[in-house]
């Protein structure tokens, strides 16, 4: 790929993210619109009730899945009203892949606030203390770019269903128009977030340093090396 000169001055506007990632990039935080959003981790609506309110009672008797209202416990082996039954069905192979998917997505919804809080704390720690993240941030700044808490967002990422019927999960993503998304529900610990953040920051550096055509699979492959 041909080299592109450094921007003359100012912060690259492509790394300024003031809105949530574009749905067209499959980086959406949830499939519905926000309601009564918390400062750093919005909750979302499902019908006339907020997901947060529904999730708070998801283990206390409701038989409807938050992520899959059409779930049939008799067919899938997933019963939203019985935690230990679900554990038993998973361990004994009595829960179908569809049931496991619904169970996992419901737990992501229920734990969204905690997951996002941990993600925000780990992200802030990385910007302050991680040698790798600090190194990448300085090199991005050298190209007149800027990555910070305003354009590195922690959000819940619903699992996507692919055309062949499989489930696709992701740890994060980079968008030239918005910044970096970290999937809070997929982060196992601070080290996992550090690795994910560094990976996406390399994409940001590539975008500023080279003429990357993200629609060209050859270019996209080069950024993954």
Protein backbone atom coordinates (compact mmCIF):
# COMPACT_ATOMS: atom_id res chain seq x y z
CA UNK A 1 0.00 0.00 0.00
CA UNK A 2 1.21 3.48 -0.80
CA UNK A 3 2.31 5.71 2.01
CA UNK A 4 0.25 8.76 2.81
CA UNK A 5 1.80 11.92 4.30
CA UNK A 6 1.08 12.90 7.87
CA UNK A 7 -1.75 15.37 8.42
CA UNK A 8 -0.45 18.91 8.63
CA UNK A 9 -1.99 19.87 11.95
CA UNK A 10 -4.89 19.32 14.31
CA UNK A 11 -6.59 16.17 15.52
CA UNK A 12 -7.83 13.77 12.89
CA UNK A 13 -11.63 14.08 12.96
CA UNK A 14 -12.01 10.43 12.02
CA UNK A 15 -10.98 9.44 15.52
CA UNK A 16 -13.47 11.71 17.24
CA UNK A 17 -16.45 9.59 18.31
CA UNK A 18 -19.42 11.39 19.79
CA UNK A 19 -22.08 8.80 18.88
CA UNK A 20 -22.42 5.05 19.14
CA UNK A 21 -20.84 2.88 16.44
CA UNK A 22 -22.71 2.52 13.19
CA UNK A 23 -25.10 -0.46 12.90
CA UNK A 24 -23.81 -1.02 9.39
CA UNK A 25 -20.49 -2.09 10.91
CA UNK A 26 -22.17 -4.62 13.20
CA UNK A 27 -20.77 -2.71 16.17
CA UNK A 28 -24.13 -1.88 17.70
CA UNK A 29 -24.47 -2.00 21.45
CA UNK A 30 -28.00 -3.39 21.47
CA UNK A 31 -30.76 -3.75 18.91
CA UNK A 32 -33.08 -1.12 20.35
CA UNK A 33 -32.97 2.56 21.28
CA UNK A 34 -31.58 3.81 24.61
CA UNK A 35 -33.83 4.75 27.52
CA UNK A 36 -32.70 6.40 30.75
CA UNK A 37 -29.06 5.78 29.87
CA UNK A 38 -26.49 5.49 32.61
CA UNK A 39 -23.44 7.79 32.17
CA UNK A 40 -21.20 5.22 30.48
CA UNK A 41 -23.37 2.19 29.90
CA UNK A 42 -26.88 2.71 28.49
CA UNK A 43 -29.77 0.38 29.12
CA UNK A 44 -32.16 -0.46 26.32
CA UNK A 45 -35.88 -0.88 25.83
CA UNK A 46 -37.79 -4.04 25.17
CA UNK A 47 -41.40 -3.17 24.54
CA UNK A 48 -42.52 -0.79 27.28
CA UNK A 49 -40.08 -2.00 29.92
CA UNK A 50 -36.38 -1.28 30.16
CA UNK A 51 -34.06 -4.24 29.76
CA UNK A 52 -32.41 -3.38 33.06
CA UNK A 53 -35.73 -3.63 34.89
CA UNK A 54 -36.58 -6.91 33.18
CA UNK A 55 -33.15 -8.36 33.87
CA UNK A 56 -33.39 -7.57 37.55
CA UNK A 57 -36.17 -10.13 37.82
CA UNK A 58 -34.94 -12.58 35.22
CA UNK A 59 -34.01 -15.17 37.84
CA UNK A 60 -37.14 -14.74 39.90
CA UNK A 61 -39.94 -16.55 38.10
CA UNK A 62 -40.31 -15.09 34.62
CA UNK A 63 -40.33 -17.78 31.94
CA UNK A 64 -39.64 -15.45 29.01
CA UNK A 65 -36.17 -14.96 27.63
CA UNK A 66 -35.06 -11.33 27.36
CA UNK A 67 -33.10 -11.91 24.18
CA UNK A 68 -35.40 -14.51 22.63
CA UNK A 69 -39.06 -14.07 23.66
CA UNK A 70 -40.00 -17.06 21.50
CA UNK A 71 -37.83 -19.44 23.52
CA UNK A 72 -39.59 -22.71 24.42
CA UNK A 73 -37.92 -24.36 27.47
CA UNK A 74 -39.35 -27.75 26.51
CA UNK A 75 -37.55 -27.61 23.16
CA UNK A 76 -34.36 -25.71 23.99
CA UNK A 77 -33.69 -26.84 27.56
CA UNK A 78 -33.32 -23.20 28.66
CA UNK A 79 -35.69 -22.06 31.41
CA UNK A 80 -35.15 -18.37 32.33
CA UNK A 81 -36.91 -18.94 35.67
CA UNK A 82 -34.56 -21.67 36.93
CA UNK A 83 -30.81 -20.98 37.15
CA UNK A 84 -29.75 -24.40 38.47
CA UNK A 85 -31.87 -26.26 35.94
CA UNK A 86 -30.01 -24.40 33.20
CA UNK A 87 -26.63 -25.26 34.73
CA UNK A 88 -27.63 -28.92 34.93
CA UNK A 89 -28.94 -28.95 31.35
CA UNK A 90 -25.74 -27.40 30.03
CA UNK A 91 -23.48 -29.84 31.90
CA UNK A 92 -25.50 -32.87 30.80
CA UNK A 93 -25.92 -31.76 27.19
CA UNK A 94 -29.68 -31.30 27.47
CA UNK A 95 -29.64 -27.68 26.35
CA UNK A 96 -29.65 -27.08 22.61
CA UNK A 97 -27.24 -24.62 20.91
CA UNK A 98 -30.18 -22.22 20.54
CA UNK A 99 -30.94 -22.53 24.25
CA UNK A 100 -27.30 -21.92 25.17
CA UNK A 101 -27.26 -18.86 22.93
CA UNK A 102 -30.38 -17.43 24.61
CA UNK A 103 -28.99 -18.21 28.08
CA UNK A 104 -25.70 -16.46 27.32
CA UNK A 105 -27.40 -13.39 25.80
CA UNK A 106 -29.78 -13.09 28.75
CA UNK A 107 -26.86 -13.20 31.18
CA UNK A 108 -25.11 -10.52 29.16
CA UNK A 109 -28.19 -8.30 29.47
CA UNK A 110 -28.53 -8.98 33.20
CA UNK A 111 -24.85 -8.22 33.86
CA UNK A 112 -24.56 -5.30 31.44
CA UNK A 113 -24.05 -2.58 34.03
CA UNK A 114 -21.35 -4.52 35.92
CA UNK A 115 -19.59 -5.57 32.71
CA UNK A 116 -19.46 -2.00 31.40
CA UNK A 117 -18.25 -0.65 34.75
CA UNK A 118 -15.39 -3.15 34.83
CA UNK A 119 -14.57 -2.45 31.19
CA UNK A 120 -14.40 1.30 31.79
CA UNK A 121 -12.09 0.81 34.76
CA UNK A 122 -9.80 -1.58 32.88
CA UNK A 123 -9.71 0.75 29.84
CA UNK A 124 -8.74 3.73 32.01
CA UNK A 125 -6.04 1.67 33.74
CA UNK A 126 -4.58 0.66 30.36
CA UNK A 127 -4.37 4.27 29.18
CA UNK A 128 -2.48 5.16 32.38
CA UNK A 129 -0.24 2.16 33.01
CA UNK A 130 -0.08 -0.29 30.08
CA UNK A 131 3.27 0.10 28.26
CA UNK A 132 1.76 -1.27 25.04
CA UNK A 133 -1.29 1.00 25.05
CA UNK A 134 0.75 4.06 26.04
CA UNK A 135 3.23 3.35 23.22
CA UNK A 136 0.44 3.01 20.64
CA UNK A 137 -1.34 6.12 21.92
CA UNK A 138 1.84 8.20 21.55
CA UNK A 139 2.37 6.95 18.00
CA UNK A 140 -1.24 7.74 17.10
CA UNK A 141 -0.82 11.22 18.55
CA UNK A 142 2.30 11.63 16.40
CA UNK A 143 -0.03 11.28 13.41
CA UNK A 144 -2.37 13.93 14.84
CA UNK A 145 -4.86 11.35 16.07
CA UNK A 146 -6.31 11.00 19.53
CA UNK A 147 -7.79 8.01 21.34
CA UNK A 148 -9.25 8.43 24.80
CA UNK A 149 -12.27 7.53 26.92
CA UNK A 150 -14.53 9.60 24.64
CA UNK A 151 -13.88 7.53 21.53
CA UNK A 152 -12.98 4.18 23.10
CA UNK A 153 -16.37 2.98 24.29
CA UNK A 154 -17.34 -0.02 26.40
CA UNK A 155 -20.69 -1.50 25.41
CA UNK A 156 -22.61 -4.76 25.41
CA UNK A 157 -22.37 -6.46 22.01
CA UNK A 158 -25.18 -8.85 21.07
CA UNK A 159 -24.09 -11.98 19.27
CA UNK A 160 -24.76 -11.88 15.52
CA UNK A 161 -26.38 -14.67 13.52
CA UNK A 162 -24.49 -15.29 10.28
CA UNK A 163 -26.01 -16.23 6.95
CA UNK A 164 -25.06 -19.88 7.45
CA UNK A 165 -26.88 -19.98 10.79
CA UNK A 166 -23.83 -19.85 13.05
CA UNK A 167 -23.31 -17.38 15.90
CA UNK A 168 -20.55 -14.77 15.62
CA UNK A 169 -19.12 -13.04 18.69
CA UNK A 170 -16.49 -10.31 18.81
CA UNK A 171 -14.27 -8.64 21.37
CA UNK A 172 -14.30 -5.20 19.77
CA UNK A 173 -13.87 -3.24 16.59
CA UNK A 174 -12.45 -0.12 14.98
CA UNK A 175 -14.45 2.36 12.91
CA UNK A 176 -12.72 5.31 11.15
CA UNK A 177 -15.91 7.32 11.68
CA UNK A 178 -16.42 6.57 15.36
CA UNK A 179 -13.35 5.17 17.11
CA UNK A 180 -12.96 1.92 19.05
CA UNK A 181 -15.65 -0.28 20.52
CA UNK A 182 -14.80 -2.71 23.33
CA UNK A 183 -17.39 -5.44 23.89
CA UNK A 184 -17.68 -5.32 27.67
CA UNK A 185 -19.62 -8.56 27.91
CA UNK A 186 -16.83 -10.46 26.15
CA UNK A 187 -13.94 -9.18 28.27
CA UNK A 188 -12.70 -11.88 30.66
CA UNK A 189 -10.28 -9.68 32.60
CA UNK A 190 -8.03 -6.63 32.34
CA UNK A 191 -5.36 -8.48 30.34
CA UNK A 192 -7.96 -9.55 27.78
CA UNK A 193 -9.13 -5.95 27.42
CA UNK A 194 -5.53 -4.73 27.11
CA UNK A 195 -4.90 -7.16 24.25
CA UNK A 196 -8.17 -6.23 22.54
CA UNK A 197 -7.57 -2.49 22.91
CA UNK A 198 -4.00 -2.77 21.57
CA UNK A 199 -5.24 -4.77 18.56
CA UNK A 200 -7.83 -2.12 17.67
CA UNK A 201 -5.33 0.70 18.24
CA UNK A 202 -3.07 -0.89 15.62
CA UNK A 203 -5.99 -0.58 13.17
CA UNK A 204 -6.33 3.09 14.13
CA UNK A 205 -2.61 3.66 13.56
CA UNK A 206 -2.79 1.89 10.18
CA UNK A 207 -5.72 4.07 9.20
CA UNK A 208 -3.79 7.25 9.96
CA UNK A 209 -0.45 6.09 8.55
CA UNK A 210 -1.53 4.40 5.33
CA UNK A 211 -4.16 4.75 2.65
CA UNK A 212 -6.30 1.90 3.93
CA UNK A 213 -9.37 0.99 1.92
CA UNK A 214 -11.42 -0.92 4.49
CA UNK A 215 -13.67 -2.28 1.73
CA UNK A 216 -10.64 -3.96 0.11
CA UNK A 217 -10.11 -7.39 1.67
CA UNK A 218 -6.40 -7.29 0.81
CA UNK A 219 -5.99 -4.09 2.80
CA UNK A 220 -8.06 -5.47 5.67
CA UNK A 221 -5.92 -8.62 5.71
CA UNK A 222 -2.72 -6.54 5.90
CA UNK A 223 -3.97 -4.74 9.00
CA UNK A 224 -4.54 -8.09 10.74
CA UNK A 225 -0.94 -9.27 10.29
